[in-house]
C-alpha atoms as a PDB file:
ATOM      1  CA  UNK A   1      46.376   9.057  67.828  1.00  0.00           C
ATOM      2  CA  UNK A   2      48.670  11.831  68.476  1.00  0.00           C
ATOM      3  CA  UNK A   3      52.556  11.320  67.393  1.00  0.00           C
ATOM      4  CA  UNK A   4      55.331  12.271  68.667  1.00  0.00           C
ATOM      5  CA  UNK A   5      59.356  10.903  68.431  1.00  0.00           C
ATOM      6  CA  UNK A   6      59.896   9.948  71.975  1.00  0.00           C
ATOM      7  CA  UNK A   7      57.125   7.533  72.636  1.00  0.00           C
ATOM      8  CA  UNK A   8      56.079   4.176  72.046  1.00  0.00           C
ATOM      9  CA  UNK A   9      55.437   4.356  68.139  1.00  0.00           C
ATOM     10  CA  UNK A  10      54.884   7.071  65.376  1.00  0.00           C
ATOM     11  CA  UNK A  11      52.852   7.236  62.578  1.00  0.00           C
ATOM     12  CA  UNK A  12      53.716   7.388  58.614  1.00  0.00           C
ATOM     13  CA  UNK A  13      51.239   9.806  56.970  1.00  0.00           C
ATOM     14  CA  UNK A  14      49.462   6.307  55.640  1.00  0.00           C
ATOM     15  CA  UNK A  15      47.791   4.268  58.120  1.00  0.00           C
ATOM     16  CA  UNK A  16      50.094   2.321  59.491  1.00  0.00           C
ATOM     17  CA  UNK A  17      52.671   2.538  62.630  1.00  0.00           C
ATOM     18  CA  UNK A  18      55.809   1.951  63.753  1.00  0.00           C
ATOM     19  CA  UNK A  19      56.767   0.801  67.141  1.00  0.00           C
ATOM     20  CA  UNK A  20      59.088  -0.054  69.737  1.00  0.00           C
ATOM     21  CA  UNK A  21      59.427  -3.615  68.877  1.00  0.00           C
ATOM     22  CA  UNK A  22      60.032  -2.795  65.665  1.00  0.00           C
ATOM     23  CA  UNK A  23      62.999  -0.322  66.757  1.00  0.00           C
ATOM     24  CA  UNK A  24      63.916  -3.163  69.162  1.00  0.00           C
ATOM     25  CA  UNK A  25      64.345  -5.761  66.796  1.00  0.00           C
ATOM     26  CA  UNK A  26      65.910  -3.736  64.174  1.00  0.00           C
ATOM     27  CA  UNK A  27      68.951  -2.782  66.765  1.00  0.00           C
ATOM     28  CA  UNK A  28      69.162  -6.167  67.746  1.00  0.00           C
ATOM     29  CA  UNK A  29      70.013  -7.275  64.412  1.00  0.00           C
ATOM     30  CA  UNK A  30      72.266  -4.479  63.877  1.00  0.00           C
ATOM     31  CA  UNK A  31      73.923  -4.986  66.974  1.00  0.00           C
ATOM     32  CA  UNK A  32      74.781  -8.827  66.088  1.00  0.00           C
ATOM     33  CA  UNK A  33      75.113  -8.482  62.484  1.00  0.00           C
ATOM     34  CA  UNK A  34      72.973 -11.288  61.982  1.00  0.00           C
ATOM     35  CA  UNK A  35      69.328 -12.373  61.817  1.00  0.00           C
ATOM     36  CA  UNK A  36      70.084 -15.504  63.351  1.00  0.00           C
ATOM     37  CA  UNK A  37      72.156 -14.246  66.528  1.00  0.00           C
ATOM     38  CA  UNK A  38      69.356 -11.686  66.773  1.00  0.00           C
ATOM     39  CA  UNK A  39      66.820 -14.097  66.904  1.00  0.00           C
ATOM     40  CA  UNK A  40      68.172 -16.451  69.024  1.00  0.00           C
ATOM     41  CA  UNK A  41      68.867 -13.278  71.475  1.00  0.00           C
ATOM     42  CA  UNK A  42      65.133 -12.211  71.094  1.00  0.00           C
ATOM     43  CA  UNK A  43      63.784 -15.678  71.317  1.00  0.00           C
ATOM     44  CA  UNK A  44      62.211 -15.419  68.016  1.00  0.00           C
ATOM     45  CA  UNK A  45      61.842 -17.359  64.869  1.00  0.00           C
ATOM     46  CA  UNK A  46      64.647 -16.045  62.378  1.00  0.00           C
ATOM     47  CA  UNK A  47      61.574 -15.461  59.708  1.00  0.00           C
ATOM     48  CA  UNK A  48      59.674 -13.756  62.035  1.00  0.00           C
ATOM     49  CA  UNK A  49      62.150 -11.297  62.928  1.00  0.00           C
ATOM     50  CA  UNK A  50      62.797 -10.835  59.241  1.00  0.00           C
ATOM     51  CA  UNK A  51      59.336 -10.336  58.717  1.00  0.00           C
ATOM     52  CA  UNK A  52      59.299  -7.627  61.270  1.00  0.00           C
ATOM     53  CA  UNK A  53      62.223  -5.894  59.882  1.00  0.00           C
ATOM     54  CA  UNK A  54      60.739  -5.793  56.489  1.00  0.00           C
ATOM     55  CA  UNK A  55      57.465  -4.712  57.842  1.00  0.00           C
ATOM     56  CA  UNK A  56      59.601  -1.831  59.602  1.00  0.00           C
ATOM     57  CA  UNK A  57      61.355  -1.177  56.095  1.00  0.00           C
ATOM     58  CA  UNK A  58      57.744  -0.784  54.284  1.00  0.00           C
ATOM     59  CA  UNK A  59      56.654   1.221  57.089  1.00  0.00           C
ATOM     60  CA  UNK A  60      59.522   3.375  55.903  1.00  0.00           C
ATOM     61  CA  UNK A  61      59.852   3.248  52.571  1.00  0.00           C
ATOM     62  CA  UNK A  62      63.735   2.785  52.455  1.00  0.00           C
ATOM     63  CA  UNK A  63      65.747  -0.410  53.139  1.00  0.00           C
ATOM     64  CA  UNK A  64      67.360  -0.239  56.593  1.00  0.00           C
ATOM     65  CA  UNK A  65      69.186  -3.723  55.817  1.00  0.00           C
ATOM     66  CA  UNK A  66      71.652  -5.707  53.163  1.00  0.00           C
ATOM     67  CA  UNK A  67      71.116  -9.276  53.535  1.00  0.00           C
ATOM     68  CA  UNK A  68      73.908 -11.686  53.020  1.00  0.00           C
ATOM     69  CA  UNK A  69      73.623 -15.697  53.358  1.00  0.00           C
ATOM     70  CA  UNK A  70      75.600 -15.305  56.671  1.00  0.00           C
ATOM     71  CA  UNK A  71      75.230 -11.943  58.041  1.00  0.00           C
ATOM     72  CA  UNK A  72      74.193  -8.330  57.254  1.00  0.00           C
ATOM     73  CA  UNK A  73      74.734  -4.718  57.290  1.00  0.00           C
ATOM     74  CA  UNK A  74      73.534  -1.485  57.864  1.00  0.00           C
ATOM     75  CA  UNK A  75      72.715   0.489  54.412  1.00  0.00           C
ATOM     76  CA  UNK A  76      73.331   4.101  54.852  1.00  0.00           C
ATOM     77  CA  UNK A  77      69.539   4.884  55.501  1.00  0.00           C
ATOM     78  CA  UNK A  78      69.981   2.071  58.233  1.00  0.00           C
ATOM     79  CA  UNK A  79      73.265   4.048  59.765  1.00  0.00           C
ATOM     80  CA  UNK A  80      70.782   6.910  59.969  1.00  0.00           C
ATOM     81  CA  UNK A  81      68.227   5.288  61.500  1.00  0.00           C
ATOM     82  CA  UNK A  82      70.238   3.472  63.901  1.00  0.00           C
ATOM     83  CA  UNK A  83      71.165   6.213  65.460  1.00  0.00           C
ATOM     84  CA  UNK A  84      67.479   7.734  66.190  1.00  0.00           C
ATOM     85  CA  UNK A  85      66.305   4.210  67.108  1.00  0.00           C
ATOM     86  CA  UNK A  86      69.099   4.073  69.527  1.00  0.00           C
ATOM     87  CA  UNK A  87      67.975   7.275  71.466  1.00  0.00           C
ATOM     88  CA  UNK A  88      64.392   6.565  71.207  1.00  0.00           C
ATOM     89  CA  UNK A  89      64.474   3.143  72.827  1.00  0.00           C
ATOM     90  CA  UNK A  90      66.893   4.730  75.881  1.00  0.00           C
ATOM     91  CA  UNK A  91      64.658   7.373  76.565  1.00  0.00           C
ATOM     92  CA  UNK A  92      61.504   5.347  76.495  1.00  0.00           C
ATOM     93  CA  UNK A  93      63.660   3.118  79.318  1.00  0.00           C
ATOM     94  CA  UNK A  94      64.143   5.848  81.478  1.00  0.00           C
ATOM     95  CA  UNK A  95      60.488   7.134  81.212  1.00  0.00           C
ATOM     96  CA  UNK A  96      59.189   3.677  82.219  1.00  0.00           C
ATOM     97  CA  UNK A  97      61.750   3.615  84.972  1.00  0.00           C
ATOM     98  CA  UNK A  98      60.340   6.886  86.193  1.00  0.00           C
ATOM     99  CA  UNK A  99      57.311   6.181  85.877  1.00  0.00           C
ATOM    100  CA  UNK A 100      57.409   2.877  87.992  1.00  0.00           C
ATOM    101  CA  UNK A 101      59.127   4.966  90.597  1.00  0.00           C
ATOM    102  CA  UNK A 102      62.197   3.128  90.739  1.00  0.00           C
ATOM    103  CA  UNK A 103      64.296   4.551  93.223  1.00  0.00           C
ATOM    104  CA  UNK A 104      67.444   2.772  91.595  1.00  0.00           C
ATOM    105  CA  UNK A 105      70.168   5.334  90.601  1.00  0.00           C
ATOM    106  CA  UNK A 106      71.443   5.663  86.831  1.00  0.00           C
ATOM    107  CA  UNK A 107      74.500   3.457  86.357  1.00  0.00           C
ATOM    108  CA  UNK A 108      76.808   3.814  83.155  1.00  0.00           C
ATOM    109  CA  UNK A 109      79.214   1.102  83.190  1.00  0.00           C
ATOM    110  CA  UNK A 110      82.807   1.800  81.668  1.00  0.00           C
ATOM    111  CA  UNK A 111      84.975  -0.876  80.228  1.00  0.00           C
ATOM    112  CA  UNK A 112      87.614   1.023  78.785  1.00  0.00           C
ATOM    113  CA  UNK A 113      91.841   1.074  78.007  1.00  0.00           C
ATOM    114  CA  UNK A 114      93.822   2.969  80.312  1.00  0.00           C
ATOM    115  CA  UNK A 115      96.253   3.855  77.457  1.00  0.00           C
ATOM    116  CA  UNK A 116      93.504   4.590  75.329  1.00  0.00           C
ATOM    117  CA  UNK A 117      92.062   7.118  77.204  1.00  0.00           C
ATOM    118  CA  UNK A 118      94.229   8.582  80.262  1.00  0.00           C
ATOM    119  CA  UNK A 119      94.589  12.171  79.389  1.00  0.00           C
ATOM    120  CA  UNK A 120      90.901  12.244  78.255  1.00  0.00           C
ATOM    121  CA  UNK A 121      88.965  10.527  80.860  1.00  0.00           C
ATOM    122  CA  UNK A 122      89.424  12.533  84.414  1.00  0.00           C
ATOM    123  CA  UNK A 123      88.085  15.674  82.438  1.00  0.00           C
ATOM    124  CA  UNK A 124      85.077  14.198  80.311  1.00  0.00           C
ATOM    125  CA  UNK A 125      83.726  12.756  84.106  1.00  0.00           C
ATOM    126  CA  UNK A 126      84.273  15.705  85.883  1.00  0.00           C
ATOM    127  CA  UNK A 127      82.129  17.589  82.713  1.00  0.00           C
ATOM    128  CA  UNK A 128      79.571  14.735  82.826  1.00  0.00           C
ATOM    129  CA  UNK A 129      79.298  14.630  86.733  1.00  0.00           C
ATOM    130  CA  UNK A 130      78.752  18.012  86.818  1.00  0.00           C
ATOM    131  CA  UNK A 131      75.816  17.302  84.240  1.00  0.00           C
ATOM    132  CA  UNK A 132      74.250  14.584  85.699  1.00  0.00           C
ATOM    133  CA  UNK A 133      74.714  14.567  89.339  1.00  0.00           C
ATOM    134  CA  UNK A 134      72.633  11.531  90.360  1.00  0.00           C
ATOM    135  CA  UNK A 135      74.299   9.220  87.117  1.00  0.00           C
ATOM    136  CA  UNK A 136      77.139   7.425  88.698  1.00  0.00           C
ATOM    137  CA  UNK A 137      79.690   6.033  86.241  1.00  0.00           C
ATOM    138  CA  UNK A 138      81.381   2.393  86.860  1.00  0.00           C
ATOM    139  CA  UNK A 139      84.974   2.571  85.646  1.00  0.00           C
ATOM    140  CA  UNK A 140      85.911  -1.152  84.521  1.00  0.00           C
ATOM    141  CA  UNK A 141      89.447  -1.395  84.243  1.00  0.00           C
ATOM    142  CA  UNK A 142      90.137  -5.109  83.589  1.00  0.00           C
ATOM    143  CA  UNK A 143      91.977  -7.140  81.211  1.00  0.00           C
ATOM    144  CA  UNK A 144      90.815  -7.468  76.832  1.00  0.00           C
ATOM    145  CA  UNK A 145      89.430 -10.804  77.363  1.00  0.00           C
ATOM    146  CA  UNK A 146      87.625 -10.035  80.544  1.00  0.00           C
ATOM    147  CA  UNK A 147      86.169  -7.231  78.915  1.00  0.00           C
ATOM    148  CA  UNK A 148      84.887  -9.286  76.140  1.00  0.00           C
ATOM    149  CA  UNK A 149      82.941 -11.664  78.505  1.00  0.00           C
ATOM    150  CA  UNK A 150      81.417  -8.506  80.188  1.00  0.00           C
ATOM    151  CA  UNK A 151      80.498  -6.612  76.611  1.00  0.00           C
ATOM    152  CA  UNK A 152      79.082 -10.246  75.664  1.00  0.00           C
ATOM    153  CA  UNK A 153      77.180 -10.643  78.595  1.00  0.00           C
ATOM    154  CA  UNK A 154      75.385  -7.100  78.417  1.00  0.00           C
ATOM    155  CA  UNK A 155      77.169  -5.641  81.657  1.00  0.00           C
ATOM    156  CA  UNK A 156      78.932  -2.877  79.770  1.00  0.00           C
ATOM    157  CA  UNK A 157      77.032   0.338  78.211  1.00  0.00           C
ATOM    158  CA  UNK A 158      80.261   2.027  77.075  1.00  0.00           C
ATOM    159  CA  UNK A 159      83.598   0.062  75.941  1.00  0.00           C
ATOM    160  CA  UNK A 160      86.727   1.935  75.006  1.00  0.00           C
ATOM    161  CA  UNK A 161      89.894  -0.283  73.400  1.00  0.00           C
ATOM    162  CA  UNK A 162      92.560  -0.665  71.522  1.00  0.00           C
ATOM    163  CA  UNK A 163      92.453  -4.768  71.184  1.00  0.00           C
ATOM    164  CA  UNK A 164      90.938  -5.884  67.399  1.00  0.00           C
ATOM    165  CA  UNK A 165      89.532  -8.983  69.768  1.00  0.00           C
ATOM    166  CA  UNK A 166      87.488  -6.487  71.857  1.00  0.00           C
ATOM    167  CA  UNK A 167      86.471  -4.286  68.699  1.00  0.00           C
ATOM    168  CA  UNK A 168      84.854  -6.538  67.050  1.00  0.00           C
ATOM    169  CA  UNK A 169      82.626  -7.483  70.108  1.00  0.00           C
ATOM    170  CA  UNK A 170      79.019  -8.106  68.520  1.00  0.00           C
ATOM    171  CA  UNK A 171      75.904  -6.103  70.055  1.00  0.00           C
ATOM    172  CA  UNK A 172      77.803  -2.784  70.320  1.00  0.00           C
ATOM    173  CA  UNK A 173      77.807   0.309  67.506  1.00  0.00           C
ATOM    174  CA  UNK A 174      81.752   0.612  66.873  1.00  0.00           C
ATOM    175  CA  UNK A 175      83.110   3.315  65.512  1.00  0.00           C
ATOM    176  CA  UNK A 176      87.064   5.016  65.651  1.00  0.00           C
ATOM    177  CA  UNK A 177      87.639   7.184  68.669  1.00  0.00           C
ATOM    178  CA  UNK A 178      91.434   8.476  68.609  1.00  0.00           C
ATOM    179  CA  UNK A 179      94.699   7.239  66.943  1.00  0.00           C
ATOM    180  CA  UNK A 180      97.774   6.789  68.507  1.00  0.00           C
ATOM    181  CA  UNK A 181     101.394   6.221  67.584  1.00  0.00           C
ATOM    182  CA  UNK A 182     104.034   4.133  68.872  1.00  0.00           C
ATOM    183  CA  UNK A 183     106.661   5.380  71.291  1.00  0.00           C
ATOM    184  CA  UNK A 184     109.665   3.407  72.672  1.00  0.00           C
ATOM    185  CA  UNK A 185     109.527   3.852  76.637  1.00  0.00           C
ATOM    186  CA  UNK A 186     113.003   3.367  78.669  1.00  0.00           C
ATOM    187  CA  UNK A 187     115.025   3.946  81.785  1.00  0.00           C
ATOM    188  CA  UNK A 188     116.237   7.444  81.604  1.00  0.00           C
ATOM    189  CA  UNK A 189     119.463   5.440  81.883  1.00  0.00           C
ATOM    190  CA  UNK A 190     119.301   3.670  78.865  1.00  0.00           C
ATOM    191  CA  UNK A 191     121.459   4.019  75.589  1.00  0.00           C
ATOM    192  CA  UNK A 192     118.851   5.608  73.407  1.00  0.00           C
ATOM    193  CA  UNK A 193     117.380   7.793  75.724  1.00  0.00           C
ATOM    194  CA  UNK A 194     120.147  10.252  74.209  1.00  0.00           C
ATOM    195  CA  UNK A 195     118.516  10.603  71.169  1.00  0.00           C
ATOM    196  CA  UNK A 196     115.551  13.231  70.768  1.00  0.00           C
ATOM    197  CA  UNK A 197     114.262  10.996  67.676  1.00  0.00           C
ATOM    198  CA  UNK A 198     114.092   7.662  66.950  1.00  0.00           C
ATOM    199  CA  UNK A 199     114.113   5.601  63.718  1.00  0.00           C
ATOM    200  CA  UNK A 200     112.785   2.146  63.237  1.00  0.00           C
ATOM    201  CA  UNK A 201     116.302   0.665  62.330  1.00  0.00           C
ATOM    202  CA  UNK A 202     117.083   1.245  66.139  1.00  0.00           C
ATOM    203  CA  UNK A 203     115.128  -1.551  66.989  1.00  0.00           C
ATOM    204  CA  UNK A 204     117.346  -4.188  65.532  1.00  0.00           C
ATOM    205  CA  UNK A 205     118.098  -6.635  68.378  1.00  0.00           C
ATOM    206  CA  UNK A 206     116.823  -4.208  70.948  1.00  0.00           C
ATOM    207  CA  UNK A 207     115.930  -6.220  74.368  1.00  0.00           C
ATOM    208  CA  UNK A 208     112.142  -5.419  74.013  1.00  0.00           C
ATOM    209  CA  UNK A 209     109.248  -6.060  77.016  1.00  0.00           C
ATOM    210  CA  UNK A 210     105.708  -6.581  75.727  1.00  0.00           C
ATOM    211  CA  UNK A 211     102.486  -7.029  76.368  1.00  0.00           C
ATOM    212  CA  UNK A 212     101.480 -11.016  77.143  1.00  0.00           C
ATOM    213  CA  UNK A 213      99.491 -12.985  74.517  1.00  0.00           C
ATOM    214  CA  UNK A 214      97.035 -14.658  76.907  1.00  0.00           C
ATOM    215  CA  UNK A 215      95.076 -11.126  77.792  1.00  0.00           C
ATOM    216  CA  UNK A 216      96.906  -9.193  75.340  1.00  0.00           C
ATOM    217  CA  UNK A 217      96.702 -11.389  71.720  1.00  0.00           C
ATOM    218  CA  UNK A 218      97.077  -8.454  69.367  1.00  0.00           C
ATOM    219  CA  UNK A 219     100.039  -6.920  71.095  1.00  0.00           C
ATOM    220  CA  UNK A 220     103.140  -9.058  69.412  1.00  0.00           C
ATOM    221  CA  UNK A 221     101.217  -9.515  65.995  1.00  0.00           C
ATOM    222  CA  UNK A 222     101.109  -6.265  65.832  1.00  0.00           C
ATOM    223  CA  UNK A 223     104.368  -5.151  66.555  1.00  0.00           C
ATOM    224  CA  UNK A 224     105.970  -8.135  64.770  1.00  0.00           C
ATOM    225  CA  UNK A 225     103.650  -6.467  61.629  1.00  0.00           C
ATOM    226  CA  UNK A 226     105.021  -3.051  61.600  1.00  0.00           C
ATOM    227  CA  UNK A 227     108.361  -4.208  61.733  1.00  0.00           C
ATOM    228  CA  UNK A 228     108.408  -6.475  58.587  1.00  0.00           C
ATOM    229  CA  UNK A 229     108.786  -4.308  56.090  1.00  0.00           C
ATOM    230  CA  UNK A 230     112.249  -3.223  57.884  1.00  0.00           C
ATOM    231  CA  UNK A 231     113.726  -6.482  57.817  1.00  0.00           C
ATOM    232  CA  UNK A 232     113.518  -7.660  60.976  1.00  0.00           C
ATOM    233  CA  UNK A 233     111.618  -9.330  63.969  1.00  0.00           C
ATOM    234  CA  UNK A 234     111.589  -7.525  67.382  1.00  0.00           C
ATOM    235  CA  UNK A 235     113.830  -8.999  70.548  1.00  0.00           C
ATOM    236  CA  UNK A 236     111.236  -9.874  73.670  1.00  0.00           C
ATOM    237  CA  UNK A 237     113.167 -10.608  76.805  1.00  0.00           C
ATOM    238  CA  UNK A 238     109.536 -11.090  78.268  1.00  0.00           C
ATOM    239  CA  UNK A 239     106.258 -10.232  77.661  1.00  0.00           C
ATOM    240  CA  UNK A 240     103.716  -8.973  81.126  1.00  0.00           C
ATOM    241  CA  UNK A 241     100.254 -10.484  81.161  1.00  0.00           C
ATOM    242  CA  UNK A 242      99.336  -8.218  83.892  1.00  0.00           C
ATOM    243  CA  UNK A 243      99.237  -4.589  81.744  1.00  0.00           C
ATOM    244  CA  UNK A 244     100.931  -1.473  81.309  1.00  0.00           C
ATOM    245  CA  UNK A 245     101.749  -1.214  85.033  1.00  0.00           C
ATOM    246  CA  UNK A 246     103.421  -4.381  85.488  1.00  0.00           C
ATOM    247  CA  UNK A 247     105.709  -3.865  82.043  1.00  0.00           C
ATOM    248  CA  UNK A 248     106.602  -0.375  83.433  1.00  0.00           C
ATOM    249  CA  UNK A 249     107.748  -2.102  86.524  1.00  0.00           C
ATOM    250  CA  UNK A 250     109.613  -4.284  84.536  1.00  0.00           C
ATOM    251  CA  UNK A 251     111.336  -1.752  82.167  1.00  0.00           C
ATOM    252  CA  UNK A 252     112.332  -0.271  85.728  1.00  0.00           C
ATOM    253  CA  UNK A 253     114.171  -3.408  86.709  1.00  0.00           C
ATOM    254  CA  UNK A 254     116.060  -4.424  83.459  1.00  0.00           C
ATOM    255  CA  UNK A 255     117.831  -2.494  81.058  1.00  0.00           C
ATOM    256  CA  UNK A 256     114.962  -2.572  78.121  1.00  0.00           C
ATOM    257  CA  UNK A 257     112.290  -0.687  76.440  1.00  0.00           C
ATOM    258  CA  UNK A 258     108.969  -0.943  75.447  1.00  0.00           C
ATOM    259  CA  UNK A 259     106.982   0.159  72.317  1.00  0.00           C
ATOM    260  CA  UNK A 260     103.345   1.669  73.581  1.00  0.00           C
ATOM    261  CA  UNK A 261     101.064   3.987  72.197  1.00  0.00           C
ATOM    262  CA  UNK A 262     101.964   7.684  72.937  1.00  0.00           C
ATOM    263  CA  UNK A 263      99.283   8.263  74.952  1.00  0.00           C
ATOM    264  CA  UNK A 264     101.477   6.529  78.061  1.00  0.00           C
ATOM    265  CA  UNK A 265     103.054   9.554  78.119  1.00  0.00           C
ATOM    266  CA  UNK A 266     100.250  11.092  80.781  1.00  0.00           C
ATOM    267  CA  UNK A 267     101.284   8.415  83.210  1.00  0.00           C
ATOM    268  CA  UNK A 268     104.297   7.251  83.336  1.00  0.00           C
ATOM    269  CA  UNK A 269     106.687   7.018  85.993  1.00  0.00           C
ATOM    270  CA  UNK A 270     109.155   9.920  86.603  1.00  0.00           C
ATOM    271  CA  UNK A 271     112.040   6.675  86.503  1.00  0.00           C
ATOM    272  CA  UNK A 272     111.469   6.401  82.733  1.00  0.00           C
ATOM    273  CA  UNK A 273     111.298   8.325  79.736  1.00  0.00           C
ATOM    274  CA  UNK A 274     109.690   8.289  75.935  1.00  0.00           C
ATOM    275  CA  UNK A 275     111.220   8.942  72.624  1.00  0.00           C
ATOM    276  CA  UNK A 276     108.767   8.977  69.027  1.00  0.00           C
ATOM    277  CA  UNK A 277     109.836   7.682  66.130  1.00  0.00           C
ATOM    278  CA  UNK A 278     110.689   9.502  62.628  1.00  0.00           C
ATOM    279  CA  UNK A 279     109.138   8.182  60.397  1.00  0.00           C
ATOM    280  CA  UNK A 280     106.306   7.089  62.203  1.00  0.00           C
ATOM    281  CA  UNK A 281     104.534   3.708  62.197  1.00  0.00           C
ATOM    282  CA  UNK A 282     101.345   3.304  61.305  1.00  0.00           C
ATOM    283  CA  UNK A 283      98.706   4.741  64.264  1.00  0.00           C
ATOM    284  CA  UNK A 284      97.252   2.403  66.759  1.00  0.00           C
ATOM    285  CA  UNK A 285      93.185   3.030  66.684  1.00  0.00           C
ATOM    286  CA  UNK A 286      90.781   3.320  69.402  1.00  0.00           C
ATOM    287  CA  UNK A 287      87.926   2.348  69.109  1.00  0.00           C
ATOM    288  CA  UNK A 288      84.847   3.358  71.323  1.00  0.00           C
ATOM    289  CA  UNK A 289      81.212   1.197  71.351  1.00  0.00           C
ATOM    290  CA  UNK A 290      77.929   2.163  72.557  1.00  0.00           C
ATOM    291  CA  UNK A 291      76.013  -0.887  73.842  1.00  0.00           C
ATOM    292  CA  UNK A 292      73.057  -1.741  71.685  1.00  0.00           C
ATOM    293  CA  UNK A 293      71.620  -4.096  74.079  1.00  0.00           C
ATOM    294  CA  UNK A 294      71.480  -2.073  76.378  1.00  0.00           C
ATOM    295  CA  UNK A 295      70.514   1.855  75.623  1.00  0.00           C
ATOM    296  CA  UNK A 296      71.487   4.599  77.539  1.00  0.00           C
ATOM    297  CA  UNK A 297      71.055   8.084  77.114  1.00  0.00           C
ATOM    298  CA  UNK A 298      73.928   8.892  79.676  1.00  0.00           C
ATOM    299  CA  UNK A 299      76.185   6.260  77.793  1.00  0.00           C
ATOM    300  CA  UNK A 300      76.299   8.800  74.898  1.00  0.00           C
ATOM    301  CA  UNK A 301      75.804  11.449  76.752  1.00  0.00           C
ATOM    302  CA  UNK A 302      79.632  10.214  78.319  1.00  0.00           C
ATOM    303  CA  UNK A 303      80.600   9.241  74.755  1.00  0.00           C
ATOM    304  CA  UNK A 304      79.999  12.790  73.225  1.00  0.00           C
ATOM    305  CA  UNK A 305      81.691  14.568  75.803  1.00  0.00           C
ATOM    306  CA  UNK A 306      85.151  11.834  75.634  1.00  0.00           C
ATOM    307  CA  UNK A 307      84.654  12.886  71.521  1.00  0.00           C
ATOM    308  CA  UNK A 308      84.934  16.487  72.592  1.00  0.00           C
ATOM    309  CA  UNK A 309      87.894  16.073  74.906  1.00  0.00           C
ATOM    310  CA  UNK A 310      89.443  14.179  72.205  1.00  0.00           C
ATOM    311  CA  UNK A 311      89.057  17.211  69.906  1.00  0.00           C
ATOM    312  CA  UNK A 312      90.592  19.837  72.204  1.00  0.00           C
ATOM    313  CA  UNK A 313      93.126  17.556  72.968  1.00  0.00           C
ATOM    314  CA  UNK A 314      96.402  18.433  70.857  1.00  0.00           C
ATOM    315  CA  UNK A 315      98.188  15.883  69.514  1.00  0.00           C
ATOM    316  CA  UNK A 316     101.192  14.153  71.640  1.00  0.00           C
ATOM    317  CA  UNK A 317     104.204  16.151  71.271  1.00  0.00           C
ATOM    318  CA  UNK A 318     106.753  15.257  68.376  1.00  0.00           C
ATOM    319  CA  UNK A 319     109.792  14.976  70.263  1.00  0.00           C
ATOM    320  CA  UNK A 320     110.194  13.916  73.681  1.00  0.00           C
ATOM    321  CA  UNK A 321     111.844  16.990  74.476  1.00  0.00           C
END
């Protein structure tokens, strides 16, 4: 039988072969981080799934997954194999759709945090549409809890988020996307706006407006954790659950300030200014997740464009000038 990387199987030097089902099983286990959860998603018994993955490892001659009592993790070989398996499954799905003559246009659904992508997404999308004119990208700007629901339901191909509650969602291959730093955002007539840079001590007893616990559960604990070594806690006047645009409106209405990632400077209203901190606080890590439940070559292509745009983007200025 002919053998090539990109069809329904590939063949080793021995008689056995690896089939697409083996790749699907492996990708499912990698996505869920558990044989038990993956078996439920695949409607298989756990022993049957474990046996199929073991057959795959035996065929390849390498250990792909380290088994634990209640979870599992990929070995170095498993991580290398994961990318190839994902690409092959995505390509196979595309070939099947073409063979069936399905008229449905390809769609990439992207869940994103504007504060993590505002300066990159427009340029990446422009390049993506130029390279893939027949593919539509649906941008999904929702709260972190809503994003978790969509991701868990398999309705997102790509996710870019700051909230750990989102970036811990199983079923995605998560990796670090970029590092952002906190800045203080305020009205231009705020007393602290006269400084070019701020020290953490300026935050002591400073009235702040933050993001609400209901939709941004990690925000307040993160700010408290950052300020604890400096000997004080944040003083929040209000917490906004509707996101950064609503928070901006509150800042414009009150003589308060907000601690946000430096990327918000890309869409800051003219009535507001920002100032960096020296020394800097620990960075905020934005992570990007590629769905392992619905492999898409176009989602992978958009991810690579986003990474390329990030590599070309200079760091935020050290001073607001």
